[in-house]
Amino acid sequence: ESVVAEVRRMKEEPDSTPVVTYDSETNEIVVNGKQRIAPLDLRRLCRSPANDPKRVPEGIAPKQMVPLGRYAVQIIWSDGHQSLMPYRAFVEGYDK
């Protein structure tokens, strides 16, 4: 049922997938050119059982970010950890 709803939404709405990039000069993750998040703060939101939010290294940075449709972005971090971050967990106003 949720797949059918998502396909319907894709047909009815223009592409509303958030654009997530990393600005290495400011060490910030940028969402849609407006919202800025420190990599450390985003990594602490990761709910992977392999992630301990209290033990994230201070200098953490994303090495690769791969969008996974309108649902999430996969992030490979500088310490080797991989996160699957649903957009609704960190993109302001994203509730799809």
PDB file of N, CA and C in Angstrom:
ATOM      1  N   GLU A   1       0.814  -1.191   0.000  1.00  0.00           N
ATOM      2  CA  GLU A   1       0.000   0.000   0.000  1.00  0.00           C
ATOM      3  C   GLU A   1       0.865   1.267   0.000  1.00  0.00           C
ATOM      4  N   SER A   2       1.938   1.275   0.797  1.00  0.00           N
ATOM      5  CA  SER A   2       2.787   2.466   0.840  1.00  0.00           C
ATOM      6  C   SER A   2       3.522   2.681  -0.480  1.00  0.00           C
ATOM      7  N   VAL A   3       3.848   1.586  -1.179  1.00  0.00           N
ATOM      8  CA  VAL A   3       4.504   1.711  -2.485  1.00  0.00           C
ATOM      9  C   VAL A   3       3.553   2.349  -3.483  1.00  0.00           C
ATOM     10  N   VAL A   4       2.293   1.923  -3.460  1.00  0.00           N
ATOM     11  CA  VAL A   4       1.287   2.490  -4.359  1.00  0.00           C
ATOM     12  C   VAL A   4       1.116   3.979  -4.077  1.00  0.00           C
ATOM     13  N   ALA A   5       1.070   4.344  -2.807  1.00  0.00           N
ATOM     14  CA  ALA A   5       0.928   5.754  -2.430  1.00  0.00           C
ATOM     15  C   ALA A   5       2.136   6.563  -2.895  1.00  0.00           C
ATOM     16  N   GLU A   6       3.326   5.999  -2.763  1.00  0.00           N
ATOM     17  CA  GLU A   6       4.529   6.701  -3.196  1.00  0.00           C
ATOM     18  C   GLU A   6       4.541   6.896  -4.703  1.00  0.00           C
ATOM     19  N   VAL A   7       4.156   5.891  -5.472  1.00  0.00           N
ATOM     20  CA  VAL A   7       4.100   6.010  -6.930  1.00  0.00           C
ATOM     21  C   VAL A   7       3.082   7.077  -7.324  1.00  0.00           C
ATOM     22  N   ARG A   8       1.938   7.085  -6.679  1.00  0.00           N
ATOM     23  CA  ARG A   8       0.916   8.101  -6.952  1.00  0.00           C
ATOM     24  C   ARG A   8       1.462   9.498  -6.661  1.00  0.00           C
ATOM     25  N   ARG A   9       2.128   9.635  -5.531  1.00  0.00           N
ATOM     26  CA  ARG A   9       2.692  10.936  -5.141  1.00  0.00           C
ATOM     27  C   ARG A   9       3.747  11.390  -6.157  1.00  0.00           C
ATOM     28  N   MET A  10       4.555  10.462  -6.644  1.00  0.00           N
ATOM     29  CA  MET A  10       5.587  10.795  -7.624  1.00  0.00           C
ATOM     30  C   MET A  10       4.981  11.320  -8.915  1.00  0.00           C
ATOM     31  N   LYS A  11       3.839  10.767  -9.304  1.00  0.00           N
ATOM     32  CA  LYS A  11       3.175  11.207 -10.528  1.00  0.00           C
ATOM     33  C   LYS A  11       2.523  12.579 -10.348  1.00  0.00           C
ATOM     34  N   GLU A  12       2.004  12.829  -9.166  1.00  0.00           N
ATOM     35  CA  GLU A  12       1.260  14.060  -8.912  1.00  0.00           C
ATOM     36  C   GLU A  12       2.148  15.249  -8.554  1.00  0.00           C
ATOM     37  N   GLU A  13       3.279  15.011  -7.937  1.00  0.00           N
ATOM     38  CA  GLU A  13       4.130  16.094  -7.452  1.00  0.00           C
ATOM     39  C   GLU A  13       5.400  16.181  -8.278  1.00  0.00           C
ATOM     40  N   PRO A  14       5.919  17.385  -8.418  1.00  0.00           N
ATOM     41  CA  PRO A  14       7.241  17.494  -9.038  1.00  0.00           C
ATOM     42  C   PRO A  14       8.285  16.887  -8.102  1.00  0.00           C
ATOM     43  N   ASP A  15       9.465  16.664  -8.632  1.00  0.00           N
ATOM     44  CA  ASP A  15      10.530  16.063  -7.817  1.00  0.00           C
ATOM     45  C   ASP A  15      10.819  16.945  -6.612  1.00  0.00           C
ATOM     46  N   SER A  16      10.568  16.405  -5.446  1.00  0.00           N
ATOM     47  CA  SER A  16      10.792  17.159  -4.219  1.00  0.00           C
ATOM     48  C   SER A  16      11.864  16.491  -3.355  1.00  0.00           C
ATOM     49  N   THR A  17      12.718  15.700  -3.988  1.00  0.00           N
ATOM     50  CA  THR A  17      13.795  15.044  -3.257  1.00  0.00           C
ATOM     51  C   THR A  17      14.778  16.103  -2.760  1.00  0.00           C
ATOM     52  N   PRO A  18      15.080  16.106  -1.478  1.00  0.00           N
ATOM     53  CA  PRO A  18      16.040  17.086  -0.965  1.00  0.00           C
ATOM     54  C   PRO A  18      17.413  16.920  -1.616  1.00  0.00           C
ATOM     55  N   VAL A  19      18.080  18.034  -1.835  1.00  0.00           N
ATOM     56  CA  VAL A  19      19.441  18.018  -2.358  1.00  0.00           C
ATOM     57  C   VAL A  19      20.373  18.190  -1.161  1.00  0.00           C
ATOM     58  N   VAL A  20      21.167  17.166  -0.904  1.00  0.00           N
ATOM     59  CA  VAL A  20      22.053  17.154   0.255  1.00  0.00           C
ATOM     60  C   VAL A  20      23.495  17.133  -0.234  1.00  0.00           C
ATOM     61  N   THR A  21      24.273  18.145   0.183  1.00  0.00           N
ATOM     62  CA  THR A  21      25.668  18.250  -0.225  1.00  0.00           C
ATOM     63  C   THR A  21      26.538  18.508   1.008  1.00  0.00           C
ATOM     64  N   TYR A  22      27.836  18.396   0.819  1.00  0.00           N
ATOM     65  CA  TYR A  22      28.772  18.679   1.900  1.00  0.00           C
ATOM     66  C   TYR A  22      29.660  19.845   1.495  1.00  0.00           C
ATOM     67  N   ASP A  23      29.727  20.856   2.328  1.00  0.00           N
ATOM     68  CA  ASP A  23      30.591  22.007   2.107  1.00  0.00           C
ATOM     69  C   ASP A  23      31.827  21.830   2.980  1.00  0.00           C
ATOM     70  N   SER A  24      32.917  21.402   2.372  1.00  0.00           N
ATOM     71  CA  SER A  24      34.135  21.110   3.144  1.00  0.00           C
ATOM     72  C   SER A  24      34.787  22.381   3.690  1.00  0.00           C
ATOM     73  N   GLU A  25      34.549  23.517   3.067  1.00  0.00           N
ATOM     74  CA  GLU A  25      35.141  24.769   3.550  1.00  0.00           C
ATOM     75  C   GLU A  25      34.547  25.189   4.898  1.00  0.00           C
ATOM     76  N   THR A  26      33.238  24.975   5.059  1.00  0.00           N
ATOM     77  CA  THR A  26      32.588  25.351   6.318  1.00  0.00           C
ATOM     78  C   THR A  26      32.350  24.137   7.212  1.00  0.00           C
ATOM     79  N   ASN A  27      32.662  22.946   6.705  1.00  0.00           N
ATOM     80  CA  ASN A  27      32.399  21.685   7.394  1.00  0.00           C
ATOM     81  C   ASN A  27      30.932  21.585   7.802  1.00  0.00           C
ATOM     82  N   GLU A  28      30.062  21.771   6.809  1.00  0.00           N
ATOM     83  CA  GLU A  28      28.624  21.672   7.041  1.00  0.00           C
ATOM     84  C   GLU A  28      27.961  20.847   5.942  1.00  0.00           C
ATOM     85  N   ILE A  29      26.943  20.131   6.335  1.00  0.00           N
ATOM     86  CA  ILE A  29      26.081  19.465   5.372  1.00  0.00           C
ATOM     87  C   ILE A  29      24.982  20.462   5.042  1.00  0.00           C
ATOM     88  N   VAL A  30      24.760  20.668   3.743  1.00  0.00           N
ATOM     89  CA  VAL A  30      23.822  21.679   3.275  1.00  0.00           C
ATOM     90  C   VAL A  30      22.631  20.976   2.619  1.00  0.00           C
ATOM     91  N   VAL A  31      21.438  21.367   3.045  1.00  0.00           N
ATOM     92  CA  VAL A  31      20.212  20.773   2.517  1.00  0.00           C
ATOM     93  C   VAL A  31      19.464  21.841   1.728  1.00  0.00           C
ATOM     94  N   ASN A  32      19.234  21.549   0.457  1.00  0.00           N
ATOM     95  CA  ASN A  32      18.498  22.453  -0.432  1.00  0.00           C
ATOM     96  C   ASN A  32      19.101  23.857  -0.477  1.00  0.00           C
ATOM     97  N   GLY A  33      20.396  23.966  -0.262  1.00  0.00           N
ATOM     98  CA  GLY A  33      21.081  25.244  -0.345  1.00  0.00           C
ATOM     99  C   GLY A  33      20.796  26.195   0.798  1.00  0.00           C
ATOM    100  N   LYS A  34      20.003  25.768   1.777  1.00  0.00           N
ATOM    101  CA  LYS A  34      19.586  26.668   2.856  1.00  0.00           C
ATOM    102  C   LYS A  34      19.929  26.126   4.234  1.00  0.00           C
ATOM    103  N   GLN A  35      19.379  24.996   4.565  1.00  0.00           N
ATOM    104  CA  GLN A  35      19.563  24.409   5.899  1.00  0.00           C
ATOM    105  C   GLN A  35      20.989  23.882   6.017  1.00  0.00           C
ATOM    106  N   ARG A  36      21.641  24.170   7.140  1.00  0.00           N
ATOM    107  CA  ARG A  36      23.012  23.716   7.368  1.00  0.00           C
ATOM    108  C   ARG A  36      23.079  22.912   8.653  1.00  0.00           C
ATOM    109  N   ILE A  37      23.791  21.788   8.588  1.00  0.00           N
ATOM    110  CA  ILE A  37      23.896  20.878   9.728  1.00  0.00           C
ATOM    111  C   ILE A  37      25.355  20.486   9.892  1.00  0.00           C
ATOM    112  N   ALA A  38      25.846  20.530  11.109  1.00  0.00           N
ATOM    113  CA  ALA A  38      27.201  20.051  11.375  1.00  0.00           C
ATOM    114  C   ALA A  38      27.224  18.532  11.204  1.00  0.00           C
ATOM    115  N   PRO A  39      28.248  17.981  10.565  1.00  0.00           N
ATOM    116  CA  PRO A  39      28.329  16.530  10.393  1.00  0.00           C
ATOM    117  C   PRO A  39      28.194  15.770  11.714  1.00  0.00           C
ATOM    118  N   LEU A  40      28.792  16.284  12.769  1.00  0.00           N
ATOM    119  CA  LEU A  40      28.705  15.640  14.075  1.00  0.00           C
ATOM    120  C   LEU A  40      27.247  15.540  14.542  1.00  0.00           C
ATOM    121  N   ASP A  41      26.494  16.608  14.357  1.00  0.00           N
ATOM    122  CA  ASP A  41      25.079  16.598  14.761  1.00  0.00           C
ATOM    123  C   ASP A  41      24.261  15.604  13.939  1.00  0.00           C
ATOM    124  N   LEU A  42      24.532  15.550  12.622  1.00  0.00           N
ATOM    125  CA  LEU A  42      23.794  14.609  11.780  1.00  0.00           C
ATOM    126  C   LEU A  42      24.140  13.176  12.138  1.00  0.00           C
ATOM    127  N   ARG A  43      25.406  12.899  12.332  1.00  0.00           N
ATOM    128  CA  ARG A  43      25.832  11.541  12.673  1.00  0.00           C
ATOM    129  C   ARG A  43      25.211  11.091  13.999  1.00  0.00           C
ATOM    130  N   ARG A  44      25.075  11.996  14.941  1.00  0.00           N
ATOM    131  CA  ARG A  44      24.465  11.639  16.219  1.00  0.00           C
ATOM    132  C   ARG A  44      22.991  11.267  16.076  1.00  0.00           C
ATOM    133  N   LEU A  45      22.365  11.639  14.962  1.00  0.00           N
ATOM    134  CA  LEU A  45      20.973  11.254  14.700  1.00  0.00           C
ATOM    135  C   LEU A  45      20.855   9.843  14.128  1.00  0.00           C
ATOM    136  N   CYS A  46      21.974   9.257  13.706  1.00  0.00           N
ATOM    137  CA  CYS A  46      21.964   7.914  13.117  1.00  0.00           C
ATOM    138  C   CYS A  46      21.480   6.898  14.148  1.00  0.00           C
ATOM    139  N   ARG A  47      20.521   6.073  13.751  1.00  0.00           N
ATOM    140  CA  ARG A  47      19.930   5.079  14.650  1.00  0.00           C
ATOM    141  C   ARG A  47      20.450   3.663  14.415  1.00  0.00           C
ATOM    142  N   SER A  48      21.541   3.545  13.694  1.00  0.00           N
ATOM    143  CA  SER A  48      22.143   2.238  13.457  1.00  0.00           C
ATOM    144  C   SER A  48      22.595   1.625  14.777  1.00  0.00           C
ATOM    145  N   PRO A  49      22.381   0.314  14.962  1.00  0.00           N
ATOM    146  CA  PRO A  49      22.857  -0.328  16.183  1.00  0.00           C
ATOM    147  C   PRO A  49      24.380  -0.262  16.321  1.00  0.00           C
ATOM    148  N   ALA A  50      25.089  -0.062  15.215  1.00  0.00           N
ATOM    149  CA  ALA A  50      26.551   0.022  15.249  1.00  0.00           C
ATOM    150  C   ALA A  50      27.046   1.421  15.608  1.00  0.00           C
ATOM    151  N   ASN A  51      26.125   2.371  15.758  1.00  0.00           N
ATOM    152  CA  ASN A  51      26.501   3.755  16.061  1.00  0.00           C
ATOM    153  C   ASN A  51      26.194   4.086  17.520  1.00  0.00           C
ATOM    154  N   ASP A  52      27.158   4.667  18.199  1.00  0.00           N
ATOM    155  CA  ASP A  52      26.953   5.163  19.558  1.00  0.00           C
ATOM    156  C   ASP A  52      27.038   6.681  19.491  1.00  0.00           C
ATOM    157  N   PRO A  53      25.896   7.388  19.586  1.00  0.00           N
ATOM    158  CA  PRO A  53      25.904   8.849  19.453  1.00  0.00           C
ATOM    159  C   PRO A  53      26.849   9.557  20.418  1.00  0.00           C
ATOM    160  N   LYS A  54      27.164   8.922  21.533  1.00  0.00           N
ATOM    161  CA  LYS A  54      28.055   9.537  22.519  1.00  0.00           C
ATOM    162  C   LYS A  54      29.531   9.363  22.165  1.00  0.00           C
ATOM    163  N   ARG A  55      29.817   8.509  21.184  1.00  0.00           N
ATOM    164  CA  ARG A  55      31.214   8.210  20.840  1.00  0.00           C
ATOM    165  C   ARG A  55      31.564   8.563  19.401  1.00  0.00           C
ATOM    166  N   VAL A  56      30.848   9.500  18.821  1.00  0.00           N
ATOM    167  CA  VAL A  56      31.152   9.925  17.454  1.00  0.00           C
ATOM    168  C   VAL A  56      32.399  10.815  17.494  1.00  0.00           C
ATOM    169  N   PRO A  57      33.396  10.520  16.664  1.00  0.00           N
ATOM    170  CA  PRO A  57      34.614  11.334  16.663  1.00  0.00           C
ATOM    171  C   PRO A  57      34.325  12.799  16.307  1.00  0.00           C
ATOM    172  N   GLU A  58      34.995  13.720  16.990  1.00  0.00           N
ATOM    173  CA  GLU A  58      34.771  15.157  16.787  1.00  0.00           C
ATOM    174  C   GLU A  58      34.976  15.600  15.341  1.00  0.00           C
ATOM    175  N   GLY A  59      35.968  15.095  14.661  1.00  0.00           N
ATOM    176  CA  GLY A  59      36.270  15.545  13.299  1.00  0.00           C
ATOM    177  C   GLY A  59      35.547  14.780  12.206  1.00  0.00           C
ATOM    178  N   ILE A  60      34.444  14.151  12.538  1.00  0.00           N
ATOM    179  CA  ILE A  60      33.722  13.308  11.567  1.00  0.00           C
ATOM    180  C   ILE A  60      33.292  14.128  10.349  1.00  0.00           C
ATOM    181  N   ALA A  61      33.378  13.499   9.182  1.00  0.00           N
ATOM    182  CA  ALA A  61      32.961  14.154   7.938  1.00  0.00           C
ATOM    183  C   ALA A  61      32.416  13.094   6.993  1.00  0.00           C
ATOM    184  N   PRO A  62      31.467  13.462   6.146  1.00  0.00           N
ATOM    185  CA  PRO A  62      30.974  12.506   5.160  1.00  0.00           C
ATOM    186  C   PRO A  62      31.996  12.334   4.033  1.00  0.00           C
ATOM    187  N   LYS A  63      32.218  11.104   3.637  1.00  0.00           N
ATOM    188  CA  LYS A  63      33.104  10.821   2.511  1.00  0.00           C
ATOM    189  C   LYS A  63      32.305  10.623   1.232  1.00  0.00           C
ATOM    190  N   GLN A  64      31.093  10.108   1.389  1.00  0.00           N
ATOM    191  CA  GLN A  64      30.226   9.879   0.231  1.00  0.00           C
ATOM    192  C   GLN A  64      28.779   9.957   0.692  1.00  0.00           C
ATOM    193  N   MET A  65      27.931  10.586  -0.136  1.00  0.00           N
ATOM    194  CA  MET A  65      26.499  10.652   0.148  1.00  0.00           C
ATOM    195  C   MET A  65      25.750  10.237  -1.105  1.00  0.00           C
ATOM    196  N   VAL A  66      24.866   9.251  -0.947  1.00  0.00           N
ATOM    197  CA  VAL A  66      24.116   8.707  -2.083  1.00  0.00           C
ATOM    198  C   VAL A  66      22.626   8.800  -1.775  1.00  0.00           C
ATOM    199  N   PRO A  67      21.872   9.589  -2.561  1.00  0.00           N
ATOM    200  CA  PRO A  67      20.432   9.667  -2.328  1.00  0.00           C
ATOM    201  C   PRO A  67      19.761   8.337  -2.665  1.00  0.00           C
ATOM    202  N   LEU A  68      18.786   7.969  -1.848  1.00  0.00           N
ATOM    203  CA  LEU A  68      18.018   6.743  -2.072  1.00  0.00           C
ATOM    204  C   LEU A  68      16.555   7.144  -2.286  1.00  0.00           C
ATOM    205  N   GLY A  69      16.275   7.642  -3.471  1.00  0.00           N
ATOM    206  CA  GLY A  69      14.925   8.090  -3.803  1.00  0.00           C
ATOM    207  C   GLY A  69      14.506   9.263  -2.946  1.00  0.00           C
ATOM    208  N   ARG A  70      13.219   9.323  -2.658  1.00  0.00           N
ATOM    209  CA  ARG A  70      12.676  10.407  -1.838  1.00  0.00           C
ATOM    210  C   ARG A  70      12.686  10.056  -0.354  1.00  0.00           C
ATOM    211  N   TYR A  71      13.269   8.931  -0.029  1.00  0.00           N
ATOM    212  CA  TYR A  71      13.193   8.419   1.339  1.00  0.00           C
ATOM    213  C   TYR A  71      14.371   8.818   2.209  1.00  0.00           C
ATOM    214  N   ALA A  72      15.585   8.647   1.688  1.00  0.00           N
ATOM    215  CA  ALA A  72      16.757   8.768   2.554  1.00  0.00           C
ATOM    216  C   ALA A  72      18.015   9.051   1.752  1.00  0.00           C
ATOM    217  N   VAL A  73      19.087   9.287   2.497  1.00  0.00           N
ATOM    218  CA  VAL A  73      20.412   9.401   1.910  1.00  0.00           C
ATOM    219  C   VAL A  73      21.324   8.435   2.666  1.00  0.00           C
ATOM    220  N   GLN A  74      22.160   7.735   1.922  1.00  0.00           N
ATOM    221  CA  GLN A  74      23.163   6.866   2.548  1.00  0.00           C
ATOM    222  C   GLN A  74      24.437   7.683   2.672  1.00  0.00           C
ATOM    223  N   ILE A  75      25.016   7.678   3.866  1.00  0.00           N
ATOM    224  CA  ILE A  75      26.239   8.437   4.108  1.00  0.00           C
ATOM    225  C   ILE A  75      27.335   7.484   4.565  1.00  0.00           C
ATOM    226  N   ILE A  76      28.471   7.570   3.900  1.00  0.00           N
ATOM    227  CA  ILE A  76      29.658   6.841   4.337  1.00  0.00           C
ATOM    228  C   ILE A  76      30.553   7.879   5.003  1.00  0.00           C
ATOM    229  N   TRP A  77      30.863   7.634   6.270  1.00  0.00           N
ATOM    230  CA  TRP A  77      31.592   8.590   7.100  1.00  0.00           C
ATOM    231  C   TRP A  77      33.095   8.331   7.095  1.00  0.00           C
ATOM    232  N   SER A  78      33.847   9.329   7.509  1.00  0.00           N
ATOM    233  CA  SER A  78      35.312   9.259   7.519  1.00  0.00           C
ATOM    234  C   SER A  78      35.859   8.179   8.448  1.00  0.00           C
ATOM    235  N   ASP A  79      35.047   7.725   9.399  1.00  0.00           N
ATOM    236  CA  ASP A  79      35.505   6.639  10.281  1.00  0.00           C
ATOM    237  C   ASP A  79      35.064   5.263   9.783  1.00  0.00           C
ATOM    238  N   GLY A  80      34.469   5.218   8.579  1.00  0.00           N
ATOM    239  CA  GLY A  80      34.058   3.950   7.978  1.00  0.00           C
ATOM    240  C   GLY A  80      32.619   3.549   8.253  1.00  0.00           C
ATOM    241  N   HIS A  81      31.959   4.198   9.191  1.00  0.00           N
ATOM    242  CA  HIS A  81      30.561   3.877   9.491  1.00  0.00           C
ATOM    243  C   HIS A  81      29.677   4.301   8.319  1.00  0.00           C
ATOM    244  N   GLN A  82      28.602   3.552   8.098  1.00  0.00           N
ATOM    245  CA  GLN A  82      27.618   3.894   7.080  1.00  0.00           C
ATOM    246  C   GLN A  82      26.284   4.158   7.754  1.00  0.00           C
ATOM    247  N   SER A  83      25.638   5.250   7.360  1.00  0.00           N
ATOM    248  CA  SER A  83      24.336   5.607   7.907  1.00  0.00           C
ATOM    249  C   SER A  83      23.299   5.644   6.796  1.00  0.00           C
ATOM    250  N   LEU A  84      22.106   5.193   7.108  1.00  0.00           N
ATOM    251  CA  LEU A  84      20.953   5.378   6.237  1.00  0.00           C
ATOM    252  C   LEU A  84      20.077   6.397   6.954  1.00  0.00           C
ATOM    253  N   MET A  85      20.066   7.627   6.443  1.00  0.00           N
ATOM    254  CA  MET A  85      19.400   8.728   7.125  1.00  0.00           C
ATOM    255  C   MET A  85      18.116   9.116   6.390  1.00  0.00           C
ATOM    256  N   PRO A  86      16.952   8.752   6.945  1.00  0.00           N
ATOM    257  CA  PRO A  86      15.693   9.189   6.327  1.00  0.00           C
ATOM    258  C   PRO A  86      15.625  10.719   6.329  1.00  0.00           C
ATOM    259  N   TYR A  87      15.166  11.294   5.227  1.00  0.00           N
ATOM    260  CA  TYR A  87      15.089  12.750   5.136  1.00  0.00           C
ATOM    261  C   TYR A  87      14.238  13.337   6.254  1.00  0.00           C
ATOM    262  N   ARG A  88      13.182  12.649   6.643  1.00  0.00           N
ATOM    263  CA  ARG A  88      12.301  13.190   7.674  1.00  0.00           C
ATOM    264  C   ARG A  88      13.006  13.341   9.024  1.00  0.00           C
ATOM    265  N   ALA A  89      14.156  12.669   9.200  1.00  0.00           N
ATOM    266  CA  ALA A  89      14.896  12.748  10.456  1.00  0.00           C
ATOM    267  C   ALA A  89      15.734  14.020  10.566  1.00  0.00           C
ATOM    268  N   PHE A  90      16.034  14.678   9.425  1.00  0.00           N
ATOM    269  CA  PHE A  90      16.926  15.832   9.510  1.00  0.00           C
ATOM    270  C   PHE A  90      16.595  16.990   8.574  1.00  0.00           C
ATOM    271  N   VAL A  91      15.713  16.800   7.609  1.00  0.00           N
ATOM    272  CA  VAL A  91      15.378  17.886   6.684  1.00  0.00           C
ATOM    273  C   VAL A  91      14.175  18.645   7.232  1.00  0.00           C
ATOM    274  N   GLU A  92      14.373  19.926   7.492  1.00  0.00           N
ATOM    275  CA  GLU A  92      13.296  20.751   8.032  1.00  0.00           C
ATOM    276  C   GLU A  92      12.095  20.754   7.088  1.00  0.00           C
ATOM    277  N   GLY A  93      10.919  20.472   7.640  1.00  0.00           N
ATOM    278  CA  GLY A  93       9.682  20.507   6.863  1.00  0.00           C
ATOM    279  C   GLY A  93       9.444  19.316   5.959  1.00  0.00           C
ATOM    280  N   TYR A  94      10.293  18.292   6.027  1.00  0.00           N
ATOM    281  CA  TYR A  94      10.126  17.121   5.159  1.00  0.00           C
ATOM    282  C   TYR A  94       9.362  16.048   5.906  1.00  0.00           C
ATOM    283  N   ASP A  95       8.158  15.760   5.456  1.00  0.00           N
ATOM    284  CA  ASP A  95       7.324  14.797   6.173  1.00  0.00           C
ATOM    285  C   ASP A  95       6.772  13.709   5.265  1.00  0.00           C
ATOM    286  N   LYS A  96       7.427  13.448   4.166  1.00  0.00           N
ATOM    287  CA  LYS A  96       6.906  12.439   3.228  1.00  0.00           C
ATOM    288  C   LYS A  96       7.245  11.051   3.667  1.00  0.00           C
TER     289      LYS A  96
END
